N, C-alpha and C. Protein backbone atom coordinates (compact mmCIF):
# COMPACT_ATOMS: atom_id res chain seq x y z
N MET A 1 0.82 -1.19 0.00
CA MET A 1 0.00 0.00 0.00
C MET A 1 0.87 1.26 0.00
N VAL A 2 1.88 1.28 0.85
CA VAL A 2 2.77 2.43 0.89
C VAL A 2 3.57 2.53 -0.40
N LYS A 3 4.00 1.38 -0.93
CA LYS A 3 4.76 1.38 -2.17
C LYS A 3 3.94 1.96 -3.32
N GLU A 4 2.69 1.62 -3.39
CA GLU A 4 1.83 2.15 -4.44
C GLU A 4 1.63 3.65 -4.26
N ALA A 5 1.50 4.12 -3.03
CA ALA A 5 1.36 5.55 -2.78
C ALA A 5 2.61 6.31 -3.22
N ILE A 6 3.78 5.74 -2.94
CA ILE A 6 5.02 6.38 -3.37
C ILE A 6 5.11 6.40 -4.89
N ARG A 7 4.78 5.29 -5.50
CA ARG A 7 4.89 5.19 -6.96
C ARG A 7 3.95 6.19 -7.65
N HIS A 8 2.76 6.39 -7.10
CA HIS A 8 1.82 7.31 -7.73
C HIS A 8 2.11 8.77 -7.38
N SER A 9 2.82 9.02 -6.30
CA SER A 9 3.11 10.40 -5.93
C SER A 9 4.47 10.88 -6.42
N ASN A 10 5.26 10.00 -7.05
CA ASN A 10 6.58 10.44 -7.48
C ASN A 10 6.54 11.46 -8.60
N VAL A 11 5.40 11.68 -9.23
CA VAL A 11 5.30 12.73 -10.23
C VAL A 11 5.34 14.12 -9.59
N TYR A 12 5.13 14.18 -8.28
CA TYR A 12 5.14 15.45 -7.57
C TYR A 12 6.49 15.74 -6.92
N PHE A 13 7.48 14.88 -7.10
CA PHE A 13 8.80 15.11 -6.52
C PHE A 13 9.44 16.33 -7.16
N GLU A 14 10.39 16.92 -6.45
CA GLU A 14 11.09 18.10 -6.95
C GLU A 14 11.90 17.76 -8.21
N THR A 15 12.16 18.78 -9.00
CA THR A 15 13.04 18.62 -10.15
C THR A 15 14.45 18.35 -9.63
N GLY A 16 15.14 17.43 -10.23
CA GLY A 16 16.49 17.09 -9.79
C GLY A 16 16.54 15.96 -8.77
N ILE A 17 15.40 15.42 -8.41
CA ILE A 17 15.37 14.34 -7.42
C ILE A 17 15.96 13.06 -8.00
N ALA A 18 15.97 12.92 -9.32
CA ALA A 18 16.51 11.70 -9.93
C ALA A 18 17.97 11.52 -9.56
N ASN A 19 18.74 12.61 -9.53
CA ASN A 19 20.15 12.51 -9.15
C ASN A 19 20.30 12.01 -7.73
N GLU A 20 19.45 12.49 -6.83
CA GLU A 20 19.52 12.07 -5.43
C GLU A 20 19.13 10.61 -5.27
N VAL A 21 18.09 10.19 -5.97
CA VAL A 21 17.64 8.79 -5.89
C VAL A 21 18.72 7.86 -6.43
N ILE A 22 19.32 8.22 -7.55
CA ILE A 22 20.37 7.39 -8.14
C ILE A 22 21.58 7.33 -7.22
N ALA A 23 21.95 8.46 -6.64
CA ALA A 23 23.09 8.48 -5.72
C ALA A 23 22.81 7.64 -4.47
N GLU A 24 21.58 7.64 -4.02
CA GLU A 24 21.23 6.90 -2.81
C GLU A 24 21.21 5.39 -3.03
N PHE A 25 20.67 4.95 -4.15
CA PHE A 25 20.45 3.52 -4.35
C PHE A 25 21.43 2.84 -5.29
N SER A 26 22.30 3.57 -5.98
CA SER A 26 23.25 2.92 -6.88
C SER A 26 24.25 2.02 -6.17
N PRO A 27 24.64 2.27 -4.90
CA PRO A 27 25.52 1.30 -4.24
C PRO A 27 24.90 -0.09 -4.06
N PHE A 28 23.59 -0.17 -4.10
CA PHE A 28 22.92 -1.46 -3.96
C PHE A 28 22.88 -2.24 -5.27
N LEU A 29 23.21 -1.61 -6.39
CA LEU A 29 23.03 -2.21 -7.70
C LEU A 29 24.27 -2.93 -8.20
N CYS A 30 24.85 -3.74 -7.38
CA CYS A 30 25.99 -4.56 -7.76
C CYS A 30 25.46 -5.94 -8.15
N PRO A 31 25.79 -6.43 -9.33
CA PRO A 31 25.25 -7.72 -9.78
C PRO A 31 25.63 -8.90 -8.90
N THR A 32 26.67 -8.77 -8.10
CA THR A 32 27.08 -9.88 -7.24
C THR A 32 26.54 -9.77 -5.83
N SER A 33 25.68 -8.80 -5.57
CA SER A 33 25.17 -8.56 -4.23
C SER A 33 23.73 -9.04 -4.09
N TYR A 34 23.39 -9.49 -2.90
CA TYR A 34 22.01 -9.88 -2.63
C TYR A 34 21.11 -8.66 -2.47
N ASP A 35 21.70 -7.48 -2.25
CA ASP A 35 20.94 -6.26 -2.07
C ASP A 35 20.47 -5.65 -3.39
N MET A 36 20.82 -6.26 -4.50
CA MET A 36 20.46 -5.69 -5.79
C MET A 36 18.95 -5.62 -5.97
N ASN A 37 18.22 -6.62 -5.51
CA ASN A 37 16.77 -6.59 -5.64
C ASN A 37 16.18 -5.40 -4.90
N LEU A 38 16.71 -5.12 -3.71
CA LEU A 38 16.25 -3.96 -2.95
C LEU A 38 16.54 -2.67 -3.71
N GLY A 39 17.74 -2.54 -4.25
CA GLY A 39 18.10 -1.34 -5.00
C GLY A 39 17.22 -1.13 -6.22
N LEU A 40 16.96 -2.20 -6.96
CA LEU A 40 16.09 -2.09 -8.13
C LEU A 40 14.66 -1.73 -7.75
N GLU A 41 14.18 -2.32 -6.66
CA GLU A 41 12.83 -2.01 -6.21
C GLU A 41 12.71 -0.56 -5.76
N MET A 42 13.70 -0.07 -5.05
CA MET A 42 13.67 1.32 -4.59
C MET A 42 13.77 2.29 -5.77
N CYS A 43 14.59 1.97 -6.77
CA CYS A 43 14.66 2.80 -7.96
C CYS A 43 13.33 2.80 -8.69
N ARG A 44 12.69 1.66 -8.74
CA ARG A 44 11.40 1.56 -9.41
C ARG A 44 10.35 2.43 -8.73
N HIS A 45 10.40 2.50 -7.40
CA HIS A 45 9.40 3.28 -6.68
C HIS A 45 9.72 4.77 -6.65
N PHE A 46 10.99 5.13 -6.52
CA PHE A 46 11.33 6.52 -6.26
C PHE A 46 11.79 7.32 -7.48
N LEU A 47 12.20 6.68 -8.56
CA LEU A 47 12.63 7.46 -9.72
C LEU A 47 11.42 8.11 -10.39
N PRO A 48 11.49 9.42 -10.61
CA PRO A 48 10.36 10.14 -11.21
C PRO A 48 10.34 9.95 -12.72
N TYR A 49 9.90 8.79 -13.18
CA TYR A 49 10.00 8.43 -14.58
C TYR A 49 9.06 9.23 -15.48
N LEU A 50 8.11 9.98 -14.92
CA LEU A 50 7.20 10.78 -15.74
C LEU A 50 7.64 12.23 -15.86
N GLN A 51 8.71 12.62 -15.19
CA GLN A 51 9.21 13.99 -15.30
C GLN A 51 10.13 14.10 -16.51
N VAL A 52 9.85 15.03 -17.38
CA VAL A 52 10.64 15.22 -18.59
C VAL A 52 12.07 15.61 -18.23
N GLU A 53 12.25 16.41 -17.18
CA GLU A 53 13.58 16.85 -16.78
C GLU A 53 14.45 15.68 -16.32
N ALA A 54 13.84 14.67 -15.76
CA ALA A 54 14.58 13.53 -15.22
C ALA A 54 14.89 12.48 -16.27
N GLU A 55 14.26 12.55 -17.42
CA GLU A 55 14.39 11.50 -18.42
C GLU A 55 15.83 11.32 -18.89
N ALA A 56 16.53 12.41 -19.15
CA ALA A 56 17.91 12.31 -19.64
C ALA A 56 18.80 11.67 -18.59
N ARG A 57 18.65 12.05 -17.33
CA ARG A 57 19.48 11.49 -16.26
C ARG A 57 19.19 10.01 -16.05
N ILE A 58 17.94 9.63 -16.09
CA ILE A 58 17.56 8.22 -15.91
C ILE A 58 18.08 7.39 -17.07
N ASN A 59 17.98 7.91 -18.30
CA ASN A 59 18.49 7.18 -19.46
C ASN A 59 20.00 7.01 -19.39
N ALA A 60 20.71 8.04 -18.94
CA ALA A 60 22.16 7.93 -18.79
C ALA A 60 22.52 6.90 -17.72
N PHE A 61 21.74 6.86 -16.64
CA PHE A 61 21.95 5.87 -15.58
C PHE A 61 21.73 4.45 -16.10
N ILE A 62 20.69 4.27 -16.88
CA ILE A 62 20.40 2.94 -17.44
C ILE A 62 21.52 2.51 -18.39
N ASP A 63 22.01 3.44 -19.21
CA ASP A 63 23.13 3.11 -20.10
C ASP A 63 24.37 2.71 -19.30
N ASP A 64 24.64 3.41 -18.21
CA ASP A 64 25.77 3.06 -17.34
C ASP A 64 25.59 1.67 -16.74
N MET A 65 24.37 1.34 -16.36
CA MET A 65 24.11 0.02 -15.77
C MET A 65 24.32 -1.08 -16.81
N PHE A 66 23.89 -0.85 -18.05
CA PHE A 66 24.11 -1.84 -19.10
C PHE A 66 25.60 -2.05 -19.37
N LEU A 67 26.36 -0.97 -19.36
CA LEU A 67 27.81 -1.10 -19.53
C LEU A 67 28.43 -1.91 -18.40
N LEU A 68 27.96 -1.68 -17.18
CA LEU A 68 28.46 -2.44 -16.04
C LEU A 68 28.14 -3.92 -16.19
N TYR A 69 26.91 -4.24 -16.54
CA TYR A 69 26.52 -5.64 -16.68
C TYR A 69 27.25 -6.32 -17.84
N ASP A 70 27.47 -5.59 -18.92
CA ASP A 70 28.21 -6.16 -20.04
C ASP A 70 29.66 -6.43 -19.68
N SER A 71 30.21 -5.67 -18.75
CA SER A 71 31.60 -5.86 -18.36
C SER A 71 31.81 -7.17 -17.60
N PHE A 72 30.75 -7.73 -17.03
CA PHE A 72 30.89 -9.00 -16.33
C PHE A 72 31.05 -10.16 -17.29
N ASN A 73 30.60 -10.00 -18.52
CA ASN A 73 30.78 -10.99 -19.58
C ASN A 73 30.40 -12.39 -19.12
N ASN A 74 29.23 -12.52 -18.54
CA ASN A 74 28.78 -13.82 -18.06
C ASN A 74 27.67 -14.39 -18.95
N LYS A 75 27.73 -14.06 -20.22
CA LYS A 75 26.73 -14.57 -21.14
C LYS A 75 27.07 -16.00 -21.54
N PRO A 76 26.08 -16.78 -21.89
CA PRO A 76 26.36 -18.12 -22.40
C PRO A 76 27.06 -18.03 -23.76
N THR A 77 27.72 -19.09 -24.14
CA THR A 77 28.51 -19.08 -25.36
C THR A 77 27.65 -18.85 -26.61
N TRP A 78 26.40 -19.25 -26.59
CA TRP A 78 25.58 -19.05 -27.77
C TRP A 78 25.13 -17.59 -27.92
N GLU A 79 25.36 -16.74 -26.92
CA GLU A 79 25.03 -15.32 -27.03
C GLU A 79 26.29 -14.47 -27.17
N TRP A 80 27.40 -15.08 -27.53
CA TRP A 80 28.66 -14.36 -27.63
C TRP A 80 28.60 -13.34 -28.74
N VAL A 81 29.14 -12.15 -28.48
CA VAL A 81 29.17 -11.07 -29.45
C VAL A 81 30.60 -10.67 -29.65
N ASN A 82 31.01 -10.49 -30.89
CA ASN A 82 32.37 -10.09 -31.18
C ASN A 82 32.55 -8.63 -30.79
N MET A 83 33.34 -8.35 -29.76
CA MET A 83 33.52 -7.00 -29.25
C MET A 83 34.30 -6.14 -30.23
N ALA A 84 35.08 -6.72 -31.11
CA ALA A 84 35.87 -5.95 -32.07
C ALA A 84 34.95 -5.30 -33.11
N SER A 85 33.79 -5.87 -33.36
CA SER A 85 32.90 -5.31 -34.36
C SER A 85 32.08 -4.15 -33.83
N ASN A 86 32.05 -3.96 -32.49
CA ASN A 86 31.24 -2.87 -31.92
C ASN A 86 31.91 -1.57 -32.02
């Protein structure tokens, strides 16, 4: 119930809150940590995804997360991608 209230009220958060939310919960977003689920859940609830001002910062954060996950290179062999071609 509280989570739904937060999720529906995040459109009223201040401009620039995306930077604070990312700074607060990004330490939890380590792929080898058990706290990653908590970090993802908190980002899902608190990131103001409907604010136009926050869109660029959230997209940059997501791109950084994809780069981090790709650096672990734990894909199965059938999903191997030639890094020289990128």
